[in-house]
């Protein structure tokens, strides 16, 4: 990070999966270079998406193993993104040039 080659690092400690199997919280550390706040926020957004997807998939797998009937009864929610003012997501619309 000091040299600017790395923006984000994820540290997963030994025993992560064992803690999950026991039903306990398994901490993960995210180290982020925030010297460029825009890049940092985008990176953090990706980390949040990956963590949320992992947690969701893990829950579905666990329910499928332990209580498949509950899994069939669970409602699912799908969020769809639809930008109104920049449907093509053209990034130059978000930059100000002097």
PDB file of N, CA and C in Angstrom:
ATOM      1  N   UNK A   1       0.811  -1.198   0.000  1.00  0.00           N
ATOM      2  CA  UNK A   1       0.000   0.000   0.000  1.00  0.00           C
ATOM      3  C   UNK A   1       0.855   1.263   0.000  1.00  0.00           C
ATOM      4  N   UNK A   2       1.967   1.202   0.700  1.00  0.00           N
ATOM      5  CA  UNK A   2       2.841   2.374   0.760  1.00  0.00           C
ATOM      6  C   UNK A   2       3.340   2.787  -0.619  1.00  0.00           C
ATOM      7  N   UNK A   3       3.567   1.814  -1.500  1.00  0.00           N
ATOM      8  CA  UNK A   3       4.066   2.131  -2.835  1.00  0.00           C
ATOM      9  C   UNK A   3       2.945   2.464  -3.815  1.00  0.00           C
ATOM     10  N   UNK A   4       1.691   2.265  -3.398  1.00  0.00           N
ATOM     11  CA  UNK A   4       0.557   2.573  -4.259  1.00  0.00           C
ATOM     12  C   UNK A   4       0.156   1.442  -5.188  1.00  0.00           C
ATOM     13  N   UNK A   5       0.758   0.275  -5.025  1.00  0.00           N
ATOM     14  CA  UNK A   5       0.437  -0.864  -5.881  1.00  0.00           C
ATOM     15  C   UNK A   5      -0.829  -1.597  -5.446  1.00  0.00           C
ATOM     16  N   UNK A   6      -1.193  -1.453  -4.192  1.00  0.00           N
ATOM     17  CA  UNK A   6      -2.339  -2.172  -3.639  1.00  0.00           C
ATOM     18  C   UNK A   6      -3.307  -1.164  -3.048  1.00  0.00           C
ATOM     19  N   UNK A   7      -4.586  -1.339  -3.361  1.00  0.00           N
ATOM     20  CA  UNK A   7      -5.621  -0.443  -2.834  1.00  0.00           C
ATOM     21  C   UNK A   7      -6.339  -1.095  -1.661  1.00  0.00           C
ATOM     22  N   UNK A   8      -6.445  -2.423  -1.709  1.00  0.00           N
ATOM     23  CA  UNK A   8      -7.257  -3.112  -0.720  1.00  0.00           C
ATOM     24  C   UNK A   8      -6.635  -4.463  -0.393  1.00  0.00           C
ATOM     25  N   UNK A   9      -6.689  -4.823   0.872  1.00  0.00           N
ATOM     26  CA  UNK A   9      -6.229  -6.141   1.308  1.00  0.00           C
ATOM     27  C   UNK A   9      -7.292  -6.745   2.216  1.00  0.00           C
ATOM     28  N   UNK A  10      -7.485  -8.042   2.089  1.00  0.00           N
ATOM     29  CA  UNK A  10      -8.446  -8.762   2.925  1.00  0.00           C
ATOM     30  C   UNK A  10      -7.674  -9.803   3.716  1.00  0.00           C
ATOM     31  N   UNK A  11      -7.856  -9.792   5.038  1.00  0.00           N
ATOM     32  CA  UNK A  11      -7.192 -10.769   5.896  1.00  0.00           C
ATOM     33  C   UNK A  11      -8.254 -11.679   6.501  1.00  0.00           C
ATOM     34  N   UNK A  12      -8.123 -12.958   6.202  1.00  0.00           N
ATOM     35  CA  UNK A  12      -9.009 -13.980   6.762  1.00  0.00           C
ATOM     36  C   UNK A  12      -8.139 -14.857   7.644  1.00  0.00           C
ATOM     37  N   UNK A  13      -8.397 -14.845   8.931  1.00  0.00           N
ATOM     38  CA  UNK A  13      -7.566 -15.583   9.883  1.00  0.00           C
ATOM     39  C   UNK A  13      -7.824 -17.082   9.822  1.00  0.00           C
ATOM     40  N   UNK A  14      -6.836 -17.834  10.270  1.00  0.00           N
ATOM     41  CA  UNK A  14      -6.987 -19.282  10.387  1.00  0.00           C
ATOM     42  C   UNK A  14      -8.159 -19.570  11.313  1.00  0.00           C
ATOM     43  N   UNK A  15      -8.924 -20.600  10.983  1.00  0.00           N
ATOM     44  CA  UNK A  15     -10.076 -20.966  11.806  1.00  0.00           C
ATOM     45  C   UNK A  15     -11.371 -20.313  11.366  1.00  0.00           C
ATOM     46  N   UNK A  16     -11.334 -19.561  10.278  1.00  0.00           N
ATOM     47  CA  UNK A  16     -12.519 -18.872   9.774  1.00  0.00           C
ATOM     48  C   UNK A  16     -13.678 -19.846   9.539  1.00  0.00           C
ATOM     49  N   UNK A  17     -13.419 -20.893   8.780  1.00  0.00           N
ATOM     50  CA  UNK A  17     -14.490 -21.841   8.454  1.00  0.00           C
ATOM     51  C   UNK A  17     -14.955 -22.622   9.678  1.00  0.00           C
ATOM     52  N   UNK A  18     -14.034 -22.900  10.592  1.00  0.00           N
ATOM     53  CA  UNK A  18     -14.413 -23.615  11.821  1.00  0.00           C
ATOM     54  C   UNK A  18     -15.380 -22.781  12.664  1.00  0.00           C
ATOM     55  N   UNK A  19     -15.106 -21.496  12.775  1.00  0.00           N
ATOM     56  CA  UNK A  19     -16.018 -20.609  13.513  1.00  0.00           C
ATOM     57  C   UNK A  19     -17.397 -20.587  12.870  1.00  0.00           C
ATOM     58  N   UNK A  20     -17.436 -20.530  11.544  1.00  0.00           N
ATOM     59  CA  UNK A  20     -18.723 -20.541  10.855  1.00  0.00           C
ATOM     60  C   UNK A  20     -19.471 -21.842  11.103  1.00  0.00           C
ATOM     61  N   UNK A  21     -18.754 -22.968  11.036  1.00  0.00           N
ATOM     62  CA  UNK A  21     -19.393 -24.263  11.279  1.00  0.00           C
ATOM     63  C   UNK A  21     -19.997 -24.355  12.673  1.00  0.00           C
ATOM     64  N   UNK A  22     -19.376 -23.665  13.631  1.00  0.00           N
ATOM     65  CA  UNK A  22     -19.880 -23.664  15.005  1.00  0.00           C
ATOM     66  C   UNK A  22     -21.018 -22.661  15.196  1.00  0.00           C
ATOM     67  N   UNK A  23     -21.326 -21.892  14.153  1.00  0.00           N
ATOM     68  CA  UNK A  23     -22.389 -20.891  14.261  1.00  0.00           C
ATOM     69  C   UNK A  23     -21.928 -19.602  14.913  1.00  0.00           C
ATOM     70  N   UNK A  24     -20.630 -19.407  14.976  1.00  0.00           N
ATOM     71  CA  UNK A  24     -20.088 -18.203  15.603  1.00  0.00           C
ATOM     72  C   UNK A  24     -19.715 -17.171  14.544  1.00  0.00           C
ATOM     73  N   UNK A  25     -19.492 -15.956  14.991  1.00  0.00           N
ATOM     74  CA  UNK A  25     -19.055 -14.892  14.100  1.00  0.00           C
ATOM     75  C   UNK A  25     -17.611 -15.144  13.697  1.00  0.00           C
ATOM     76  N   UNK A  26     -17.339 -15.026  12.402  1.00  0.00           N
ATOM     77  CA  UNK A  26     -15.988 -15.221  11.887  1.00  0.00           C
ATOM     78  C   UNK A  26     -15.507 -13.884  11.320  1.00  0.00           C
ATOM     79  N   UNK A  27     -14.631 -13.199  12.051  1.00  0.00           N
ATOM     80  CA  UNK A  27     -14.200 -11.870  11.598  1.00  0.00           C
ATOM     81  C   UNK A  27     -13.298 -11.917  10.368  1.00  0.00           C
ATOM     82  N   UNK A  28     -13.428 -10.899   9.556  1.00  0.00           N
ATOM     83  CA  UNK A  28     -12.582 -10.678   8.385  1.00  0.00           C
ATOM     84  C   UNK A  28     -12.129  -9.230   8.456  1.00  0.00           C
ATOM     85  N   UNK A  29     -10.842  -8.988   8.236  1.00  0.00           N
ATOM     86  CA  UNK A  29     -10.335  -7.622   8.277  1.00  0.00           C
ATOM     87  C   UNK A  29     -10.110  -7.129   6.853  1.00  0.00           C
ATOM     88  N   UNK A  30     -10.618  -5.922   6.566  1.00  0.00           N
ATOM     89  CA  UNK A  30     -10.395  -5.275   5.280  1.00  0.00           C
ATOM     90  C   UNK A  30      -9.540  -4.046   5.533  1.00  0.00           C
ATOM     91  N   UNK A  31      -8.403  -3.992   4.848  1.00  0.00           N
ATOM     92  CA  UNK A  31      -7.491  -2.861   4.979  1.00  0.00           C
ATOM     93  C   UNK A  31      -7.554  -2.102   3.657  1.00  0.00           C
ATOM     94  N   UNK A  32      -7.849  -0.815   3.740  1.00  0.00           N
ATOM     95  CA  UNK A  32      -8.151  -0.033   2.549  1.00  0.00           C
ATOM     96  C   UNK A  32      -7.299   1.224   2.498  1.00  0.00           C
ATOM     97  N   UNK A  33      -6.705   1.487   1.345  1.00  0.00           N
ATOM     98  CA  UNK A  33      -5.968   2.726   1.127  1.00  0.00           C
ATOM     99  C   UNK A  33      -6.988   3.787   0.732  1.00  0.00           C
ATOM    100  N   UNK A  34      -7.214   4.733   1.603  1.00  0.00           N
ATOM    101  CA  UNK A  34      -8.235   5.758   1.358  1.00  0.00           C
ATOM    102  C   UNK A  34      -7.624   7.079   0.896  1.00  0.00           C
ATOM    103  N   UNK A  35      -6.396   7.040   0.366  1.00  0.00           N
ATOM    104  CA  UNK A  35      -5.796   8.286  -0.111  1.00  0.00           C
ATOM    105  C   UNK A  35      -6.550   8.836  -1.318  1.00  0.00           C
ATOM    106  N   UNK A  36      -7.206   7.970  -2.075  1.00  0.00           N
ATOM    107  CA  UNK A  36      -8.124   8.393  -3.134  1.00  0.00           C
ATOM    108  C   UNK A  36      -9.513   7.966  -2.685  1.00  0.00           C
ATOM    109  N   UNK A  37     -10.285   8.911  -2.190  1.00  0.00           N
ATOM    110  CA  UNK A  37     -11.564   8.569  -1.563  1.00  0.00           C
ATOM    111  C   UNK A  37     -12.544   7.920  -2.534  1.00  0.00           C
ATOM    112  N   UNK A  38     -12.527   8.314  -3.787  1.00  0.00           N
ATOM    113  CA  UNK A  38     -13.442   7.731  -4.760  1.00  0.00           C
ATOM    114  C   UNK A  38     -13.124   6.256  -4.976  1.00  0.00           C
ATOM    115  N   UNK A  39     -11.862   5.954  -5.182  1.00  0.00           N
ATOM    116  CA  UNK A  39     -11.430   4.565  -5.361  1.00  0.00           C
ATOM    117  C   UNK A  39     -11.723   3.754  -4.104  1.00  0.00           C
ATOM    118  N   UNK A  40     -11.493   4.345  -2.950  1.00  0.00           N
ATOM    119  CA  UNK A  40     -11.744   3.650  -1.686  1.00  0.00           C
ATOM    120  C   UNK A  40     -13.219   3.311  -1.532  1.00  0.00           C
ATOM    121  N   UNK A  41     -14.098   4.235  -1.853  1.00  0.00           N
ATOM    122  CA  UNK A  41     -15.534   3.977  -1.721  1.00  0.00           C
ATOM    123  C   UNK A  41     -16.016   2.919  -2.707  1.00  0.00           C
ATOM    124  N   UNK A  42     -15.503   2.950  -3.916  1.00  0.00           N
ATOM    125  CA  UNK A  42     -15.861   1.923  -4.898  1.00  0.00           C
ATOM    126  C   UNK A  42     -15.367   0.559  -4.419  1.00  0.00           C
ATOM    127  N   UNK A  43     -14.131   0.508  -3.953  1.00  0.00           N
ATOM    128  CA  UNK A  43     -13.557  -0.743  -3.447  1.00  0.00           C
ATOM    129  C   UNK A  43     -14.353  -1.286  -2.272  1.00  0.00           C
ATOM    130  N   UNK A  44     -14.715  -0.408  -1.367  1.00  0.00           N
ATOM    131  CA  UNK A  44     -15.502  -0.821  -0.209  1.00  0.00           C
ATOM    132  C   UNK A  44     -16.877  -1.337  -0.626  1.00  0.00           C
ATOM    133  N   UNK A  45     -17.445  -0.729  -1.635  1.00  0.00           N
ATOM    134  CA  UNK A  45     -18.720  -1.206  -2.163  1.00  0.00           C
ATOM    135  C   UNK A  45     -18.611  -2.622  -2.693  1.00  0.00           C
ATOM    136  N   UNK A  46     -17.510  -2.912  -3.405  1.00  0.00           N
ATOM    137  CA  UNK A  46     -17.288  -4.270  -3.904  1.00  0.00           C
ATOM    138  C   UNK A  46     -17.125  -5.253  -2.753  1.00  0.00           C
ATOM    139  N   UNK A  47     -16.367  -4.868  -1.736  1.00  0.00           N
ATOM    140  CA  UNK A  47     -16.174  -5.740  -0.576  1.00  0.00           C
ATOM    141  C   UNK A  47     -17.518  -6.044   0.088  1.00  0.00           C
ATOM    142  N   UNK A  48     -18.351  -5.032   0.238  1.00  0.00           N
ATOM    143  CA  UNK A  48     -19.672  -5.241   0.840  1.00  0.00           C
ATOM    144  C   UNK A  48     -20.522  -6.190   0.005  1.00  0.00           C
ATOM    145  N   UNK A  49     -20.473  -6.056  -1.304  1.00  0.00           N
ATOM    146  CA  UNK A  49     -21.245  -6.950  -2.171  1.00  0.00           C
ATOM    147  C   UNK A  49     -20.759  -8.389  -2.060  1.00  0.00           C
ATOM    148  N   UNK A  50     -19.447  -8.577  -2.060  1.00  0.00           N
ATOM    149  CA  UNK A  50     -18.887  -9.923  -1.961  1.00  0.00           C
ATOM    150  C   UNK A  50     -19.247 -10.547  -0.608  1.00  0.00           C
ATOM    151  N   UNK A  51     -19.121  -9.778   0.463  1.00  0.00           N
ATOM    152  CA  UNK A  51     -19.438 -10.297   1.803  1.00  0.00           C
ATOM    153  C   UNK A  51     -20.921 -10.627   1.929  1.00  0.00           C
ATOM    154  N   UNK A  52     -21.775  -9.785   1.398  1.00  0.00           N
ATOM    155  CA  UNK A  52     -23.221 -10.044   1.455  1.00  0.00           C
ATOM    156  C   UNK A  52     -23.588 -11.295   0.676  1.00  0.00           C
ATOM    157  N   UNK A  53     -23.003 -11.456  -0.506  1.00  0.00           N
ATOM    158  CA  UNK A  53     -23.277 -12.637  -1.330  1.00  0.00           C
ATOM    159  C   UNK A  53     -22.766 -13.900  -0.646  1.00  0.00           C
ATOM    160  N   UNK A  54     -21.583 -13.829  -0.039  1.00  0.00           N
ATOM    161  CA  UNK A  54     -21.044 -14.978   0.685  1.00  0.00           C
ATOM    162  C   UNK A  54     -21.977 -15.370   1.831  1.00  0.00           C
ATOM    163  N   UNK A  55     -22.418 -14.371   2.614  1.00  0.00           N
ATOM    164  CA  UNK A  55     -23.296 -14.651   3.755  1.00  0.00           C
ATOM    165  C   UNK A  55     -24.620 -15.258   3.284  1.00  0.00           C
ATOM    166  N   UNK A  56     -25.158 -14.738   2.207  1.00  0.00           N
ATOM    167  CA  UNK A  56     -26.424 -15.257   1.676  1.00  0.00           C
ATOM    168  C   UNK A  56     -26.254 -16.699   1.191  1.00  0.00           C
ATOM    169  N   UNK A  57     -25.198 -16.958   0.419  1.00  0.00           N
ATOM    170  CA  UNK A  57     -24.958 -18.314  -0.077  1.00  0.00           C
ATOM    171  C   UNK A  57     -24.708 -19.292   1.064  1.00  0.00           C
ATOM    172  N   UNK A  58     -23.978 -18.834   2.077  1.00  0.00           N
ATOM    173  CA  UNK A  58     -23.686 -19.699   3.224  1.00  0.00           C
ATOM    174  C   UNK A  58     -24.978 -20.065   3.957  1.00  0.00           C
ATOM    175  N   UNK A  59     -25.843 -19.085   4.144  1.00  0.00           N
ATOM    176  CA  UNK A  59     -27.121 -19.331   4.817  1.00  0.00           C
ATOM    177  C   UNK A  59     -27.983 -20.310   4.031  1.00  0.00           C
ATOM    178  N   UNK A  60     -28.047 -20.144   2.731  1.00  0.00           N
ATOM    179  CA  UNK A  60     -28.843 -21.041   1.891  1.00  0.00           C
ATOM    180  C   UNK A  60     -28.294 -22.464   1.973  1.00  0.00           C
ATOM    181  N   UNK A  61     -26.970 -22.615   1.903  1.00  0.00           N
ATOM    182  CA  UNK A  61     -26.364 -23.949   2.008  1.00  0.00           C
ATOM    183  C   UNK A  61     -26.649 -24.588   3.357  1.00  0.00           C
ATOM    184  N   UNK A  62     -26.531 -23.785   4.422  1.00  0.00           N
ATOM    185  CA  UNK A  62     -26.773 -24.318   5.765  1.00  0.00           C
ATOM    186  C   UNK A  62     -28.235 -24.752   5.916  1.00  0.00           C
ATOM    187  N   UNK A  63     -29.161 -23.926   5.455  1.00  0.00           N
ATOM    188  CA  UNK A  63     -30.569 -24.296   5.536  1.00  0.00           C
ATOM    189  C   UNK A  63     -30.880 -25.512   4.676  1.00  0.00           C
ATOM    190  N   UNK A  64     -30.242 -25.604   3.546  1.00  0.00           N
ATOM    191  CA  UNK A  64     -30.464 -26.754   2.668  1.00  0.00           C
ATOM    192  C   UNK A  64     -30.020 -28.048   3.335  1.00  0.00           C
ATOM    193  N   UNK A  65     -28.947 -27.973   4.137  1.00  0.00           N
ATOM    194  CA  UNK A  65     -28.467 -29.162   4.847  1.00  0.00           C
ATOM    195  C   UNK A  65     -29.314 -29.482   6.080  1.00  0.00           C
ATOM    196  N   UNK A  66     -29.711 -28.442   6.819  1.00  0.00           N
ATOM    197  CA  UNK A  66     -30.348 -28.666   8.120  1.00  0.00           C
ATOM    198  C   UNK A  66     -31.869 -28.614   8.095  1.00  0.00           C
ATOM    199  N   UNK A  67     -32.434 -27.774   7.259  1.00  0.00           N
ATOM    200  CA  UNK A  67     -33.901 -27.632   7.235  1.00  0.00           C
ATOM    201  C   UNK A  67     -34.372 -27.284   5.822  1.00  0.00           C
ATOM    202  N   UNK A  68     -34.313 -28.248   4.897  1.00  0.00           N
ATOM    203  CA  UNK A  68     -34.683 -27.966   3.510  1.00  0.00           C
ATOM    204  C   UNK A  68     -36.111 -27.453   3.348  1.00  0.00           C
ATOM    205  N   UNK A  69     -37.005 -27.873   4.232  1.00  0.00           N
ATOM    206  CA  UNK A  69     -38.392 -27.399   4.118  1.00  0.00           C
ATOM    207  C   UNK A  69     -38.480 -25.897   4.406  1.00  0.00           C
ATOM    208  N   UNK A  70     -37.660 -25.411   5.326  1.00  0.00           N
ATOM    209  CA  UNK A  70     -37.628 -23.970   5.599  1.00  0.00           C
ATOM    210  C   UNK A  70     -37.116 -23.188   4.400  1.00  0.00           C
ATOM    211  N   UNK A  71     -36.136 -23.762   3.734  1.00  0.00           N
ATOM    212  CA  UNK A  71     -35.553 -23.086   2.581  1.00  0.00           C
ATOM    213  C   UNK A  71     -36.588 -22.879   1.477  1.00  0.00           C
ATOM    214  N   UNK A  72     -37.446 -23.864   1.281  1.00  0.00           N
ATOM    215  CA  UNK A  72     -38.488 -23.742   0.245  1.00  0.00           C
ATOM    216  C   UNK A  72     -39.521 -22.687   0.607  1.00  0.00           C
ATOM    217  N   UNK A  73     -39.683 -22.398   1.889  1.00  0.00           N
ATOM    218  CA  UNK A  73     -40.674 -21.419   2.340  1.00  0.00           C
ATOM    219  C   UNK A  73     -40.117 -19.994   2.386  1.00  0.00           C
ATOM    220  N   UNK A  74     -38.801 -19.859   2.317  1.00  0.00           N
ATOM    221  CA  UNK A  74     -38.190 -18.534   2.436  1.00  0.00           C
ATOM    222  C   UNK A  74     -38.478 -17.685   1.200  1.00  0.00           C
ATOM    223  N   UNK A  75     -38.978 -16.480   1.419  1.00  0.00           N
ATOM    224  CA  UNK A  75     -39.155 -15.589   0.270  1.00  0.00           C
ATOM    225  C   UNK A  75     -37.795 -15.061  -0.183  1.00  0.00           C
ATOM    226  N   UNK A  76     -37.702 -14.726  -1.440  1.00  0.00           N
ATOM    227  CA  UNK A  76     -36.457 -14.140  -1.922  1.00  0.00           C
ATOM    228  C   UNK A  76     -36.748 -12.747  -2.478  1.00  0.00           C
ATOM    229  N   UNK A  77     -35.772 -11.899  -2.323  1.00  0.00           N
ATOM    230  CA  UNK A  77     -35.889 -10.526  -2.797  1.00  0.00           C
ATOM    231  C   UNK A  77     -34.736 -10.271  -3.753  1.00  0.00           C
ATOM    232  N   UNK A  78     -35.036  -9.719  -4.915  1.00  0.00           N
ATOM    233  CA  UNK A  78     -34.019  -9.390  -5.897  1.00  0.00           C
ATOM    234  C   UNK A  78     -34.114  -7.900  -6.172  1.00  0.00           C
ATOM    235  N   UNK A  79     -33.015  -7.194  -5.941  1.00  0.00           N
ATOM    236  CA  UNK A  79     -32.970  -5.767  -6.227  1.00  0.00           C
ATOM    237  C   UNK A  79     -32.387  -5.564  -7.618  1.00  0.00           C
ATOM    238  N   UNK A  80     -33.040  -4.751  -8.398  1.00  0.00           N
ATOM    239  CA  UNK A  80     -32.535  -4.423  -9.719  1.00  0.00           C
ATOM    240  C   UNK A  80     -32.196  -2.951  -9.753  1.00  0.00           C
ATOM    241  N   UNK A  81     -31.042  -2.641 -10.289  1.00  0.00           N
ATOM    242  CA  UNK A  81     -30.620  -1.245 -10.381  1.00  0.00           C
ATOM    243  C   UNK A  81     -31.067  -0.691 -11.718  1.00  0.00           C
ATOM    244  N   UNK A  82     -31.595   0.516 -11.664  1.00  0.00           N
ATOM    245  CA  UNK A  82     -31.993   1.178 -12.895  1.00  0.00           C
ATOM    246  C   UNK A  82     -31.660   2.661 -12.777  1.00  0.00           C
ATOM    247  N   UNK A  83     -30.533   3.065 -13.336  1.00  0.00           N
ATOM    248  CA  UNK A  83     -30.184   4.491 -13.272  1.00  0.00           C
ATOM    249  C   UNK A  83     -31.127   5.299 -14.156  1.00  0.00           C
ATOM    250  N   UNK A  84     -31.678   6.367 -13.615  1.00  0.00           N
ATOM    251  CA  UNK A  84     -32.634   7.194 -14.353  1.00  0.00           C
ATOM    252  C   UNK A  84     -31.957   8.271 -15.182  1.00  0.00           C
ATOM    253  N   UNK A  85     -30.924   8.895 -14.622  1.00  0.00           N
ATOM    254  CA  UNK A  85     -30.360  10.064 -15.262  1.00  0.00           C
ATOM    255  C   UNK A  85     -29.090   9.775 -16.052  1.00  0.00           C
ATOM    256  N   UNK A  86     -28.591   8.572 -15.958  1.00  0.00           N
ATOM    257  CA  UNK A  86     -27.397   8.188 -16.703  1.00  0.00           C
ATOM    258  C   UNK A  86     -27.502   6.691 -17.010  1.00  0.00           C
ATOM    259  N   UNK A  87     -28.461   6.307 -17.856  1.00  0.00           N
ATOM    260  CA  UNK A  87     -28.717   4.879 -18.069  1.00  0.00           C
ATOM    261  C   UNK A  87     -27.541   4.107 -18.660  1.00  0.00           C
ATOM    262  N   UNK A  88     -26.646   4.775 -19.373  1.00  0.00           N
ATOM    263  CA  UNK A  88     -25.484   4.096 -19.949  1.00  0.00           C
ATOM    264  C   UNK A  88     -24.298   4.071 -18.999  1.00  0.00           C
ATOM    265  N   UNK A  89     -24.449   4.692 -17.821  1.00  0.00           N
ATOM    266  CA  UNK A  89     -23.402   4.771 -16.805  1.00  0.00           C
ATOM    267  C   UNK A  89     -22.100   5.319 -17.385  1.00  0.00           C
ATOM    268  N   UNK A  90     -22.216   6.384 -18.141  1.00  0.00           N
ATOM    269  CA  UNK A  90     -21.044   7.032 -18.742  1.00  0.00           C
ATOM    270  C   UNK A  90     -20.356   7.870 -17.676  1.00  0.00           C
ATOM    271  N   UNK A  91     -19.129   7.455 -17.318  1.00  0.00           N
ATOM    272  CA  UNK A  91     -18.448   8.075 -16.185  1.00  0.00           C
ATOM    273  C   UNK A  91     -18.070   9.526 -16.431  1.00  0.00           C
ATOM    274  N   UNK A  92     -17.866   9.940 -17.685  1.00  0.00           N
ATOM    275  CA  UNK A  92     -17.448  11.321 -17.909  1.00  0.00           C
ATOM    276  C   UNK A  92     -18.516  12.324 -17.480  1.00  0.00           C
ATOM    277  N   UNK A  93     -19.736  11.902 -17.311  1.00  0.00           N
ATOM    278  CA  UNK A  93     -20.791  12.804 -16.835  1.00  0.00           C
ATOM    279  C   UNK A  93     -20.576  13.179 -15.386  1.00  0.00           C
ATOM    280  N   UNK A  94     -19.733  12.455 -14.691  1.00  0.00           N
ATOM    281  CA  UNK A  94     -19.530  12.689 -13.270  1.00  0.00           C
ATOM    282  C   UNK A  94     -18.233  13.421 -12.950  1.00  0.00           C
ATOM    283  N   UNK A  95     -17.525  13.847 -13.974  1.00  0.00           N
ATOM    284  CA  UNK A  95     -16.274  14.549 -13.761  1.00  0.00           C
ATOM    285  C   UNK A  95     -16.404  16.005 -14.201  1.00  0.00           C
ATOM    286  N   UNK A  96     -15.819  16.884 -13.430  1.00  0.00           N
ATOM    287  CA  UNK A  96     -15.819  18.310 -13.753  1.00  0.00           C
ATOM    288  C   UNK A  96     -14.448  18.661 -14.295  1.00  0.00           C
ATOM    289  N   UNK A  97     -14.416  19.280 -15.424  1.00  0.00           N
ATOM    290  CA  UNK A  97     -13.136  19.670 -16.026  1.00  0.00           C
ATOM    291  C   UNK A  97     -12.969  21.165 -15.887  1.00  0.00           C
ATOM    292  N   UNK A  98     -11.756  21.573 -15.554  1.00  0.00           N
ATOM    293  CA  UNK A  98     -11.472  22.994 -15.371  1.00  0.00           C
ATOM    294  C   UNK A  98     -10.943  23.606 -16.635  1.00  0.00           C
TER     295      UNK A  98
END
